[in-house]
Amino acid sequence: MYPLFESIRIDGGKAPLLEYHQQRLEAAFMDYFQKKCPWQLQQLLPPSNSTSRMKWRFSYNADSYFSEILPYRTQSIRTLKCVEIGDYNYPLKWTDRRFIDQTYQDKGDSDDVLLLQNGWLRDTSYCNIALFDGRQWYTPHPPLFSGVERSRMLDENRLISKQIHWRDLPNYESFVLINALRPFEEQYPQKVAGNIKTDTLAL
């Protein structure tokens, strides 16, 4: 019924990245429905008295939407397993995530999967990844899905977008996982060595 959605962070009743979500909403409307988006998220922002972080899930189709506020608890993700996904494409925030959810089951004893396309790094199941080489933070180009926190960091010149192959991972010291609900500043870097597993990949 609602093929697309947005997951929006609300802190203290405010949505810090709402402008980015609005831009993505409008682009998705033109791409998927071939028409102009009829809504302004700022006008639809639900009131919230909670001082804790909440998730506003905004699900929509061409003519209607469903809005709900949900509690959010950050998941600890320290280890990743590289999994090849071939030509799978996820350019829009589709409600149908069956392929990604199925791929997540291949994580084994790791906390999440790091998705690869023909060996090139993309995203984890819910996050964009940023990698630190000792001087600068980088993020894979192109991502499987362009997240709003990733876009903010790129706009602020705090991330550099570049092609990164799994064989390049030894060139990086640490990584963080970011998305709309996981601001970069709040993430604790994890070491790449020993935490990103590539043992099932062909050399």
N, C-alpha and C. Protein backbone atom coordinates (compact mmCIF):
# COMPACT_ATOMS: atom_id res chain seq x y z
N MET A 1 0.82 -1.21 0.00
CA MET A 1 0.00 0.00 0.00
C MET A 1 0.86 1.26 0.00
N TYR A 2 1.97 1.21 0.75
CA TYR A 2 2.91 2.32 0.79
C TYR A 2 4.28 1.82 0.34
N PRO A 3 4.63 2.00 -0.92
CA PRO A 3 5.87 1.41 -1.44
C PRO A 3 7.14 2.10 -0.96
N LEU A 4 7.04 3.34 -0.47
CA LEU A 4 8.21 4.11 -0.07
C LEU A 4 8.04 4.66 1.34
N PHE A 5 9.16 4.96 1.98
CA PHE A 5 9.07 5.52 3.32
C PHE A 5 10.33 6.34 3.63
N GLU A 6 10.22 7.13 4.69
CA GLU A 6 11.35 7.87 5.25
C GLU A 6 11.42 7.56 6.74
N SER A 7 12.63 7.36 7.25
CA SER A 7 12.86 7.22 8.69
C SER A 7 13.57 8.49 9.16
N ILE A 8 12.89 9.25 10.00
CA ILE A 8 13.34 10.60 10.35
C ILE A 8 13.64 10.68 11.84
N ARG A 9 14.80 11.18 12.18
CA ARG A 9 15.20 11.33 13.58
C ARG A 9 14.54 12.55 14.20
N ILE A 10 13.96 12.34 15.39
CA ILE A 10 13.39 13.44 16.17
C ILE A 10 14.09 13.49 17.51
N ASP A 11 14.75 14.60 17.79
CA ASP A 11 15.43 14.83 19.06
C ASP A 11 14.79 16.03 19.75
N GLY A 12 14.19 15.78 20.91
CA GLY A 12 13.57 16.88 21.63
C GLY A 12 12.50 17.59 20.84
N GLY A 13 11.76 16.86 20.04
CA GLY A 13 10.68 17.43 19.25
C GLY A 13 11.12 18.06 17.94
N LYS A 14 12.41 18.05 17.64
CA LYS A 14 12.93 18.64 16.41
C LYS A 14 13.54 17.57 15.51
N ALA A 15 13.45 17.81 14.21
CA ALA A 15 14.00 16.89 13.21
C ALA A 15 15.16 17.57 12.51
N PRO A 16 16.40 17.34 12.96
CA PRO A 16 17.56 18.10 12.47
C PRO A 16 17.84 17.96 10.97
N LEU A 17 17.48 16.83 10.38
CA LEU A 17 17.81 16.59 8.98
C LEU A 17 16.59 16.68 8.06
N LEU A 18 15.57 17.38 8.51
CA LEU A 18 14.31 17.37 7.78
C LEU A 18 14.44 17.91 6.36
N GLU A 19 15.31 18.90 6.17
CA GLU A 19 15.52 19.45 4.82
C GLU A 19 16.03 18.38 3.86
N TYR A 20 16.93 17.54 4.34
CA TYR A 20 17.46 16.46 3.50
C TYR A 20 16.38 15.42 3.19
N HIS A 21 15.55 15.11 4.17
CA HIS A 21 14.45 14.18 3.93
C HIS A 21 13.46 14.75 2.92
N GLN A 22 13.19 16.05 3.02
CA GLN A 22 12.27 16.68 2.08
C GLN A 22 12.82 16.61 0.66
N GLN A 23 14.10 16.88 0.51
CA GLN A 23 14.72 16.80 -0.82
C GLN A 23 14.61 15.39 -1.39
N ARG A 24 14.86 14.40 -0.54
CA ARG A 24 14.80 13.01 -1.01
C ARG A 24 13.36 12.61 -1.34
N LEU A 25 12.43 13.05 -0.51
CA LEU A 25 11.01 12.79 -0.76
C LEU A 25 10.58 13.34 -2.11
N GLU A 26 10.97 14.58 -2.40
CA GLU A 26 10.59 15.21 -3.66
C GLU A 26 11.24 14.51 -4.85
N ALA A 27 12.50 14.11 -4.70
CA ALA A 27 13.18 13.40 -5.79
C ALA A 27 12.55 12.05 -6.03
N ALA A 28 12.18 11.34 -4.96
CA ALA A 28 11.55 10.02 -5.10
C ALA A 28 10.20 10.14 -5.79
N PHE A 29 9.44 11.18 -5.47
CA PHE A 29 8.13 11.39 -6.11
C PHE A 29 8.29 11.55 -7.61
N MET A 30 9.23 12.37 -8.01
CA MET A 30 9.43 12.60 -9.44
C MET A 30 9.91 11.34 -10.14
N ASP A 31 10.78 10.59 -9.47
CA ASP A 31 11.36 9.38 -10.06
C ASP A 31 10.34 8.25 -10.14
N TYR A 32 9.63 8.02 -9.02
CA TYR A 32 8.76 6.83 -8.91
C TYR A 32 7.33 7.10 -9.39
N PHE A 33 6.79 8.27 -9.07
CA PHE A 33 5.40 8.58 -9.41
C PHE A 33 5.28 9.55 -10.58
N GLN A 34 6.40 10.12 -11.01
CA GLN A 34 6.43 11.09 -12.11
C GLN A 34 5.49 12.28 -11.87
N LYS A 35 5.50 12.75 -10.63
CA LYS A 35 4.73 13.96 -10.34
C LYS A 35 5.34 14.66 -9.13
N LYS A 36 4.90 15.88 -8.90
CA LYS A 36 5.43 16.69 -7.81
C LYS A 36 4.91 16.21 -6.47
N CYS A 37 5.76 16.21 -5.47
CA CYS A 37 5.37 15.81 -4.12
C CYS A 37 4.35 16.81 -3.56
N PRO A 38 3.24 16.34 -3.00
CA PRO A 38 2.21 17.26 -2.49
C PRO A 38 2.40 17.68 -1.04
N TRP A 39 3.45 17.16 -0.37
CA TRP A 39 3.57 17.39 1.08
C TRP A 39 4.85 18.11 1.46
N GLN A 40 4.74 18.87 2.52
CA GLN A 40 5.89 19.48 3.19
C GLN A 40 6.03 18.81 4.56
N LEU A 41 7.12 18.11 4.77
CA LEU A 41 7.30 17.38 6.02
C LEU A 41 7.27 18.30 7.24
N GLN A 42 7.75 19.52 7.08
CA GLN A 42 7.76 20.46 8.20
C GLN A 42 6.35 20.70 8.73
N GLN A 43 5.38 20.72 7.83
CA GLN A 43 4.00 20.96 8.23
C GLN A 43 3.35 19.71 8.83
N LEU A 44 3.93 18.56 8.58
CA LEU A 44 3.35 17.29 9.04
C LEU A 44 4.08 16.73 10.26
N LEU A 45 5.13 17.40 10.70
CA LEU A 45 5.93 16.92 11.82
C LEU A 45 5.06 16.70 13.05
N PRO A 46 4.98 15.46 13.54
CA PRO A 46 4.11 15.21 14.69
C PRO A 46 4.67 15.84 15.96
N PRO A 47 3.81 16.33 16.83
CA PRO A 47 4.29 16.87 18.11
C PRO A 47 4.83 15.75 18.98
N SER A 48 5.88 16.03 19.71
CA SER A 48 6.47 15.03 20.59
C SER A 48 6.98 15.71 21.86
N ASN A 49 6.57 15.19 23.00
CA ASN A 49 7.02 15.71 24.29
C ASN A 49 8.20 14.92 24.84
N SER A 50 8.62 13.92 24.11
CA SER A 50 9.70 13.06 24.60
C SER A 50 11.04 13.78 24.49
N THR A 51 11.86 13.62 25.51
CA THR A 51 13.22 14.16 25.47
C THR A 51 14.20 13.15 24.89
N SER A 52 13.77 11.91 24.72
CA SER A 52 14.63 10.87 24.15
C SER A 52 14.48 10.86 22.63
N ARG A 53 15.36 10.16 21.97
CA ARG A 53 15.33 10.09 20.52
C ARG A 53 14.16 9.23 20.05
N MET A 54 13.45 9.74 19.06
CA MET A 54 12.33 9.03 18.48
C MET A 54 12.54 8.89 16.97
N LYS A 55 11.87 7.90 16.39
CA LYS A 55 11.91 7.71 14.93
C LYS A 55 10.53 8.01 14.36
N TRP A 56 10.50 8.94 13.41
CA TRP A 56 9.27 9.24 12.70
C TRP A 56 9.30 8.46 11.38
N ARG A 57 8.44 7.47 11.27
CA ARG A 57 8.35 6.68 10.05
C ARG A 57 7.21 7.26 9.20
N PHE A 58 7.59 7.76 8.05
CA PHE A 58 6.65 8.40 7.13
C PHE A 58 6.56 7.52 5.88
N SER A 59 5.48 6.73 5.80
CA SER A 59 5.28 5.80 4.68
C SER A 59 4.29 6.44 3.69
N TYR A 60 4.52 6.25 2.40
CA TYR A 60 3.68 6.97 1.45
C TYR A 60 3.55 6.27 0.09
N ASN A 61 2.47 6.64 -0.60
CA ASN A 61 2.30 6.28 -2.01
C ASN A 61 2.05 7.59 -2.77
N ALA A 62 1.49 7.49 -3.96
CA ALA A 62 1.33 8.69 -4.78
C ALA A 62 0.30 9.67 -4.23
N ASP A 63 -0.63 9.17 -3.40
CA ASP A 63 -1.76 10.01 -3.00
C ASP A 63 -1.97 10.12 -1.49
N SER A 64 -1.37 9.24 -0.71
CA SER A 64 -1.62 9.27 0.73
C SER A 64 -0.38 8.82 1.49
N TYR A 65 -0.43 9.00 2.81
CA TYR A 65 0.70 8.63 3.64
C TYR A 65 0.22 8.09 4.98
N PHE A 66 1.13 7.40 5.68
CA PHE A 66 0.88 6.93 7.04
C PHE A 66 2.04 7.38 7.90
N SER A 67 1.74 8.04 9.00
CA SER A 67 2.76 8.63 9.85
C SER A 67 2.69 8.02 11.24
N GLU A 68 3.85 7.63 11.78
CA GLU A 68 3.89 7.09 13.14
C GLU A 68 5.21 7.44 13.80
N ILE A 69 5.14 7.65 15.11
CA ILE A 69 6.32 7.95 15.92
C ILE A 69 6.65 6.70 16.73
N LEU A 70 7.91 6.27 16.65
CA LEU A 70 8.34 5.05 17.32
C LEU A 70 9.54 5.34 18.20
N PRO A 71 9.67 4.64 19.32
CA PRO A 71 10.89 4.79 20.13
C PRO A 71 12.08 4.24 19.36
N TYR A 72 13.25 4.79 19.60
CA TYR A 72 14.45 4.34 18.90
C TYR A 72 15.55 4.01 19.89
N ARG A 73 16.17 2.87 19.68
CA ARG A 73 17.30 2.45 20.49
C ARG A 73 18.45 2.07 19.56
N THR A 74 19.57 2.73 19.72
CA THR A 74 20.72 2.49 18.85
C THR A 74 21.26 1.07 19.05
N GLN A 75 21.48 0.39 17.94
CA GLN A 75 22.03 -0.95 17.98
C GLN A 75 23.56 -0.89 17.91
N SER A 76 24.20 -1.67 18.75
CA SER A 76 25.66 -1.74 18.72
C SER A 76 26.10 -2.66 17.58
N ILE A 77 26.89 -2.12 16.66
CA ILE A 77 27.39 -2.90 15.51
C ILE A 77 28.89 -2.75 15.47
N ARG A 78 29.60 -3.82 15.79
CA ARG A 78 31.06 -3.78 15.85
C ARG A 78 31.73 -4.59 14.74
N THR A 79 31.06 -5.64 14.29
CA THR A 79 31.68 -6.54 13.31
C THR A 79 30.81 -6.67 12.07
N LEU A 80 31.46 -6.74 10.92
CA LEU A 80 30.76 -6.84 9.64
C LEU A 80 31.32 -8.01 8.83
N LYS A 81 30.45 -8.65 8.09
CA LYS A 81 30.88 -9.69 7.15
C LYS A 81 30.59 -9.22 5.74
N CYS A 82 31.60 -9.21 4.88
CA CYS A 82 31.42 -8.80 3.49
C CYS A 82 30.61 -9.85 2.73
N VAL A 83 29.57 -9.37 2.05
CA VAL A 83 28.69 -10.26 1.28
C VAL A 83 28.46 -9.65 -0.09
N GLU A 84 28.68 -10.44 -1.13
CA GLU A 84 28.51 -9.98 -2.50
C GLU A 84 27.03 -10.03 -2.88
N ILE A 85 26.52 -8.93 -3.50
CA ILE A 85 25.12 -8.87 -3.89
C ILE A 85 24.94 -8.67 -5.40
N GLY A 86 26.02 -8.68 -6.16
CA GLY A 86 25.91 -8.58 -7.61
C GLY A 86 25.27 -7.29 -8.07
N ASP A 87 24.26 -7.39 -8.92
CA ASP A 87 23.66 -6.21 -9.54
C ASP A 87 22.41 -5.70 -8.84
N TYR A 88 22.14 -6.16 -7.62
CA TYR A 88 20.95 -5.69 -6.90
C TYR A 88 20.98 -4.18 -6.77
N ASN A 89 19.81 -3.57 -6.92
CA ASN A 89 19.71 -2.11 -6.94
C ASN A 89 18.69 -1.64 -5.91
N TYR A 90 19.02 -0.60 -5.13
CA TYR A 90 18.10 -0.05 -4.13
C TYR A 90 18.24 1.48 -4.13
N PRO A 91 17.84 2.13 -5.23
CA PRO A 91 18.06 3.57 -5.36
C PRO A 91 17.08 4.41 -4.55
N LEU A 92 15.91 3.86 -4.23
CA LEU A 92 14.88 4.55 -3.46
C LEU A 92 14.64 3.81 -2.15
N LYS A 93 14.07 4.49 -1.17
CA LYS A 93 13.83 3.87 0.13
C LYS A 93 12.53 3.08 0.07
N TRP A 94 12.63 1.91 -0.55
CA TRP A 94 11.48 1.05 -0.72
C TRP A 94 11.10 0.35 0.59
N THR A 95 9.80 0.17 0.79
CA THR A 95 9.31 -0.60 1.93
C THR A 95 9.69 -2.07 1.78
N ASP A 96 9.73 -2.54 0.56
CA ASP A 96 10.10 -3.93 0.29
C ASP A 96 11.61 -4.10 0.39
N ARG A 97 12.05 -4.65 1.50
CA ARG A 97 13.48 -4.86 1.76
C ARG A 97 13.81 -6.35 1.83
N ARG A 98 13.02 -7.18 1.18
CA ARG A 98 13.19 -8.61 1.35
C ARG A 98 14.58 -9.11 0.93
N PHE A 99 15.12 -8.57 -0.13
CA PHE A 99 16.44 -9.02 -0.57
C PHE A 99 17.49 -8.65 0.47
N ILE A 100 17.45 -7.41 0.95
CA ILE A 100 18.43 -6.98 1.95
C ILE A 100 18.27 -7.77 3.25
N ASP A 101 17.02 -7.98 3.66
CA ASP A 101 16.79 -8.74 4.89
C ASP A 101 17.27 -10.18 4.74
N GLN A 102 17.10 -10.76 3.57
CA GLN A 102 17.58 -12.11 3.33
C GLN A 102 19.11 -12.15 3.36
N THR A 103 19.73 -11.15 2.75
CA THR A 103 21.19 -11.07 2.74
C THR A 103 21.73 -10.91 4.16
N TYR A 104 20.99 -10.20 5.00
CA TYR A 104 21.39 -10.00 6.39
C TYR A 104 21.55 -11.34 7.11
N GLN A 105 20.79 -12.33 6.70
CA GLN A 105 20.87 -13.64 7.33
C GLN A 105 22.21 -14.33 7.07
N ASP A 106 23.00 -13.81 6.12
CA ASP A 106 24.31 -14.38 5.82
C ASP A 106 25.42 -13.82 6.71
N LYS A 107 25.06 -13.03 7.72
CA LYS A 107 26.07 -12.38 8.55
C LYS A 107 26.83 -13.33 9.46
N GLY A 108 26.32 -14.55 9.65
CA GLY A 108 27.00 -15.50 10.52
C GLY A 108 27.11 -14.98 11.94
N ASP A 109 28.33 -15.01 12.50
CA ASP A 109 28.51 -14.53 13.87
C ASP A 109 28.88 -13.04 13.93
N SER A 110 28.80 -12.34 12.80
CA SER A 110 29.03 -10.89 12.77
C SER A 110 27.75 -10.15 13.14
N ASP A 111 27.88 -8.86 13.42
CA ASP A 111 26.71 -8.06 13.79
C ASP A 111 25.88 -7.62 12.59
N ASP A 112 26.52 -7.52 11.44
CA ASP A 112 25.81 -7.06 10.24
C ASP A 112 26.62 -7.47 9.02
N VAL A 113 26.04 -7.21 7.86
CA VAL A 113 26.73 -7.49 6.59
C VAL A 113 27.20 -6.18 5.97
N LEU A 114 28.31 -6.24 5.25
CA LEU A 114 28.80 -5.14 4.44
C LEU A 114 28.61 -5.56 2.99
N LEU A 115 27.69 -4.91 2.31
CA LEU A 115 27.29 -5.32 0.97
C LEU A 115 28.29 -4.85 -0.07
N LEU A 116 28.63 -5.77 -0.98
CA LEU A 116 29.57 -5.49 -2.07
C LEU A 116 28.89 -5.72 -3.40
N GLN A 117 29.29 -4.93 -4.39
CA GLN A 117 28.86 -5.16 -5.77
C GLN A 117 30.10 -5.36 -6.62
N ASN A 118 30.29 -6.61 -7.04
CA ASN A 118 31.48 -6.97 -7.81
C ASN A 118 32.76 -6.56 -7.08
N GLY A 119 32.73 -6.70 -5.75
CA GLY A 119 33.89 -6.42 -4.93
C GLY A 119 33.97 -5.01 -4.39
N TRP A 120 33.13 -4.11 -4.89
CA TRP A 120 33.17 -2.70 -4.46
C TRP A 120 32.24 -2.48 -3.27
N LEU A 121 32.73 -1.79 -2.25
CA LEU A 121 31.95 -1.53 -1.06
C LEU A 121 30.74 -0.66 -1.37
N ARG A 122 29.61 -1.01 -0.73
CA ARG A 122 28.40 -0.20 -0.82
C ARG A 122 27.96 0.20 0.60
N ASP A 123 26.98 -0.48 1.18
CA ASP A 123 26.44 -0.14 2.50
C ASP A 123 26.33 -1.38 3.36
N THR A 124 25.91 -1.20 4.62
CA THR A 124 25.47 -2.33 5.44
C THR A 124 23.96 -2.45 5.24
N SER A 125 23.30 -3.28 6.03
CA SER A 125 21.88 -3.52 5.81
C SER A 125 21.02 -2.29 6.07
N TYR A 126 21.46 -1.40 6.98
CA TYR A 126 20.69 -0.21 7.29
C TYR A 126 21.52 1.08 7.28
N CYS A 127 22.81 0.98 7.09
CA CYS A 127 23.68 2.15 7.27
C CYS A 127 24.62 2.37 6.10
N ASN A 128 25.02 3.61 5.91
CA ASN A 128 26.19 3.92 5.10
C ASN A 128 27.42 3.74 5.97
N ILE A 129 28.54 3.45 5.33
CA ILE A 129 29.78 3.25 6.08
C ILE A 129 30.75 4.38 5.76
N ALA A 130 31.51 4.80 6.77
CA ALA A 130 32.60 5.76 6.60
C ALA A 130 33.86 5.12 7.14
N LEU A 131 34.97 5.27 6.40
CA LEU A 131 36.24 4.65 6.77
C LEU A 131 37.32 5.71 6.93
N PHE A 132 38.16 5.51 7.94
CA PHE A 132 39.21 6.48 8.28
C PHE A 132 40.57 5.88 7.96
N ASP A 133 41.41 6.64 7.22
CA ASP A 133 42.73 6.15 6.83
C ASP A 133 43.86 6.72 7.69
N GLY A 134 43.50 7.39 8.79
CA GLY A 134 44.48 8.03 9.64
C GLY A 134 44.53 9.53 9.47
N ARG A 135 43.97 10.02 8.36
CA ARG A 135 43.96 11.46 8.09
C ARG A 135 42.58 11.98 7.71
N GLN A 136 41.84 11.16 6.99
CA GLN A 136 40.58 11.63 6.37
C GLN A 136 39.54 10.51 6.41
N TRP A 137 38.28 10.92 6.48
CA TRP A 137 37.16 9.97 6.42
C TRP A 137 36.66 9.86 4.98
N TYR A 138 36.41 8.62 4.54
CA TYR A 138 35.92 8.34 3.19
C TYR A 138 34.64 7.51 3.27
N THR A 139 33.86 7.58 2.21
CA THR A 139 32.66 6.76 2.11
C THR A 139 32.57 6.21 0.69
N PRO A 140 32.10 4.97 0.51
CA PRO A 140 32.09 4.37 -0.82
C PRO A 140 31.20 5.12 -1.81
N HIS A 141 31.69 5.17 -3.05
CA HIS A 141 30.94 5.74 -4.17
C HIS A 141 30.85 4.71 -5.29
N PRO A 142 29.62 4.47 -5.80
CA PRO A 142 28.36 4.99 -5.27
C PRO A 142 27.88 4.14 -4.11
N PRO A 143 27.03 4.70 -3.24
CA PRO A 143 26.44 3.86 -2.20
C PRO A 143 25.30 3.03 -2.79
N LEU A 144 24.87 2.02 -2.08
CA LEU A 144 23.67 1.31 -2.51
C LEU A 144 22.47 2.23 -2.36
N PHE A 145 22.47 2.99 -1.25
CA PHE A 145 21.41 3.96 -1.01
C PHE A 145 22.03 5.20 -0.38
N SER A 146 21.67 6.36 -0.89
CA SER A 146 22.27 7.61 -0.42
C SER A 146 21.51 8.12 0.80
N GLY A 147 22.08 7.92 1.99
CA GLY A 147 21.44 8.33 3.23
C GLY A 147 21.59 9.82 3.49
N VAL A 148 20.68 10.36 4.31
CA VAL A 148 20.70 11.79 4.57
C VAL A 148 21.88 12.21 5.44
N GLU A 149 22.30 11.37 6.39
CA GLU A 149 23.46 11.71 7.20
C GLU A 149 24.72 11.71 6.35
N ARG A 150 24.82 10.75 5.44
CA ARG A 150 25.94 10.73 4.49
C ARG A 150 25.95 12.02 3.67
N SER A 151 24.78 12.42 3.19
CA SER A 151 24.69 13.65 2.39
C SER A 151 25.12 14.87 3.20
N ARG A 152 24.70 14.94 4.45
CA ARG A 152 25.11 16.06 5.30
C ARG A 152 26.61 16.11 5.46
N MET A 153 27.23 14.95 5.72
CA MET A 153 28.67 14.91 5.93
C MET A 153 29.43 15.29 4.67
N LEU A 154 28.92 14.90 3.52
CA LEU A 154 29.55 15.28 2.26
C LEU A 154 29.41 16.79 2.03
N ASP A 155 28.23 17.33 2.31
CA ASP A 155 28.00 18.77 2.13
C ASP A 155 28.91 19.59 3.03
N GLU A 156 29.21 19.06 4.21
CA GLU A 156 30.07 19.76 5.16
C GLU A 156 31.56 19.47 4.93
N ASN A 157 31.85 18.72 3.85
CA ASN A 157 33.23 18.37 3.49
C ASN A 157 33.94 17.59 4.60
N ARG A 158 33.19 16.82 5.33
CA ARG A 158 33.76 15.99 6.39
C ARG A 158 33.92 14.54 5.94
N LEU A 159 33.36 14.23 4.78
CA LEU A 159 33.53 12.93 4.14
C LEU A 159 33.96 13.16 2.70
N ILE A 160 34.76 12.23 2.18
CA ILE A 160 35.12 12.22 0.76
C ILE A 160 34.55 10.94 0.15
N SER A 161 33.84 11.09 -0.94
CA SER A 161 33.24 9.96 -1.64
C SER A 161 34.23 9.41 -2.66
N LYS A 162 34.49 8.12 -2.62
CA LYS A 162 35.41 7.51 -3.57
C LYS A 162 35.10 6.03 -3.72
N GLN A 163 35.55 5.46 -4.81
CA GLN A 163 35.41 4.02 -5.02
C GLN A 163 36.35 3.28 -4.06
N ILE A 164 35.81 2.30 -3.36
CA ILE A 164 36.60 1.53 -2.40
C ILE A 164 36.33 0.04 -2.63
N HIS A 165 37.36 -0.71 -2.95
CA HIS A 165 37.25 -2.16 -3.15
C HIS A 165 37.56 -2.87 -1.84
N TRP A 166 37.02 -4.06 -1.68
CA TRP A 166 37.28 -4.77 -0.42
C TRP A 166 38.76 -5.05 -0.22
N ARG A 167 39.51 -5.15 -1.31
CA ARG A 167 40.96 -5.36 -1.18
C ARG A 167 41.66 -4.10 -0.65
N ASP A 168 40.97 -2.95 -0.70
CA ASP A 168 41.55 -1.70 -0.18
C ASP A 168 41.38 -1.58 1.33
N LEU A 169 40.62 -2.45 1.95
CA LEU A 169 40.31 -2.31 3.38
C LEU A 169 41.54 -2.22 4.28
N PRO A 170 42.65 -2.94 3.99
CA PRO A 170 43.84 -2.79 4.84
C PRO A 170 44.42 -1.38 4.86
N ASN A 171 43.99 -0.52 3.92
CA ASN A 171 44.47 0.86 3.89
C ASN A 171 43.75 1.75 4.91
N TYR A 172 42.75 1.19 5.59
CA TYR A 172 41.94 1.98 6.52
C TYR A 172 42.10 1.46 7.94
N GLU A 173 42.07 2.39 8.90
CA GLU A 173 42.24 2.04 10.29
C GLU A 173 40.93 1.67 10.98
N SER A 174 39.89 2.46 10.72
CA SER A 174 38.65 2.29 11.47
C SER A 174 37.45 2.67 10.61
N PHE A 175 36.27 2.37 11.14
CA PHE A 175 35.03 2.68 10.43
C PHE A 175 33.94 3.04 11.42
N VAL A 176 32.94 3.78 10.92
CA VAL A 176 31.71 4.03 11.64
C VAL A 176 30.55 3.80 10.69
N LEU A 177 29.39 3.53 11.25
CA LEU A 177 28.17 3.32 10.47
C LEU A 177 27.20 4.45 10.79
N ILE A 178 26.67 5.07 9.74
CA ILE A 178 25.82 6.24 9.91
C ILE A 178 24.52 6.09 9.13
N ASN A 179 23.48 6.71 9.67
CA ASN A 179 22.22 6.88 8.94
C ASN A 179 21.45 8.01 9.62
N ALA A 180 20.21 8.21 9.25
CA ALA A 180 19.43 9.33 9.78
C ALA A 180 19.30 9.28 11.29
N LEU A 181 19.29 8.07 11.85
CA LEU A 181 19.13 7.90 13.29
C LEU A 181 20.46 7.73 14.01
N ARG A 182 21.55 7.67 13.26
CA ARG A 182 22.89 7.46 13.83
C ARG A 182 23.83 8.57 13.37
N PRO A 183 23.77 9.75 14.02
CA PRO A 183 24.65 10.86 13.63
C PRO A 183 26.11 10.47 13.74
N PHE A 184 26.90 10.96 12.82
CA PHE A 184 28.33 10.65 12.78
C PHE A 184 29.01 10.95 14.10
N GLU A 185 28.68 12.09 14.70
CA GLU A 185 29.37 12.55 15.90
C GLU A 185 29.16 11.61 17.09
N GLU A 186 28.13 10.81 17.05
CA GLU A 186 27.81 9.94 18.17
C GLU A 186 28.38 8.53 18.03
N GLN A 187 29.00 8.24 16.91
CA GLN A 187 29.47 6.88 16.65
C GLN A 187 30.91 6.69 17.14
N TYR A 188 31.14 5.55 17.73
CA TYR A 188 32.47 5.20 18.22
C TYR A 188 33.18 4.36 17.17
N PRO A 189 34.32 4.81 16.64
CA PRO A 189 35.00 4.08 15.56
C PRO A 189 35.41 2.67 15.99
N GLN A 190 35.21 1.73 15.09
CA GLN A 190 35.65 0.35 15.28
C GLN A 190 36.84 0.08 14.34
N LYS A 191 37.76 -0.72 14.79
CA LYS A 191 38.92 -1.06 13.96
C LYS A 191 38.48 -1.89 12.76
N VAL A 192 39.07 -1.59 11.61
CA VAL A 192 38.79 -2.38 10.41
C VAL A 192 39.39 -3.78 10.56
N ALA A 193 40.65 -3.85 10.96
CA ALA A 193 41.33 -5.14 11.10
C ALA A 193 40.63 -5.98 12.16
N GLY A 194 40.23 -7.17 11.74
CA GLY A 194 39.59 -8.09 12.67
C GLY A 194 38.10 -7.91 12.81
N ASN A 195 37.58 -6.76 12.40
CA ASN A 195 36.14 -6.51 12.55
C ASN A 195 35.37 -6.52 11.24
N ILE A 196 36.07 -6.36 10.11
CA ILE A 196 35.43 -6.51 8.81
C ILE A 196 35.99 -7.78 8.18
N LYS A 197 35.12 -8.77 8.04
CA LYS A 197 35.56 -10.09 7.63
C LYS A 197 35.43 -10.28 6.12
N THR A 198 36.52 -10.68 5.50
CA THR A 198 36.54 -10.88 4.05
C THR A 198 36.94 -12.31 3.69
N ASP A 199 36.95 -13.20 4.68
CA ASP A 199 37.50 -14.54 4.49
C ASP A 199 36.73 -15.38 3.48
N THR A 200 35.44 -15.04 3.23
CA THR A 200 34.67 -15.84 2.28
C THR A 200 34.77 -15.32 0.85
N LEU A 201 35.53 -14.25 0.64
CA LEU A 201 35.63 -13.65 -0.69
C LEU A 201 36.78 -14.26 -1.46
N ALA A 202 36.63 -14.30 -2.78
CA ALA A 202 37.69 -14.84 -3.63
C ALA A 202 38.83 -13.85 -3.75
N LEU A 203 40.05 -14.34 -3.66
CA LEU A 203 41.21 -13.46 -3.79
C LEU A 203 41.48 -13.13 -5.26
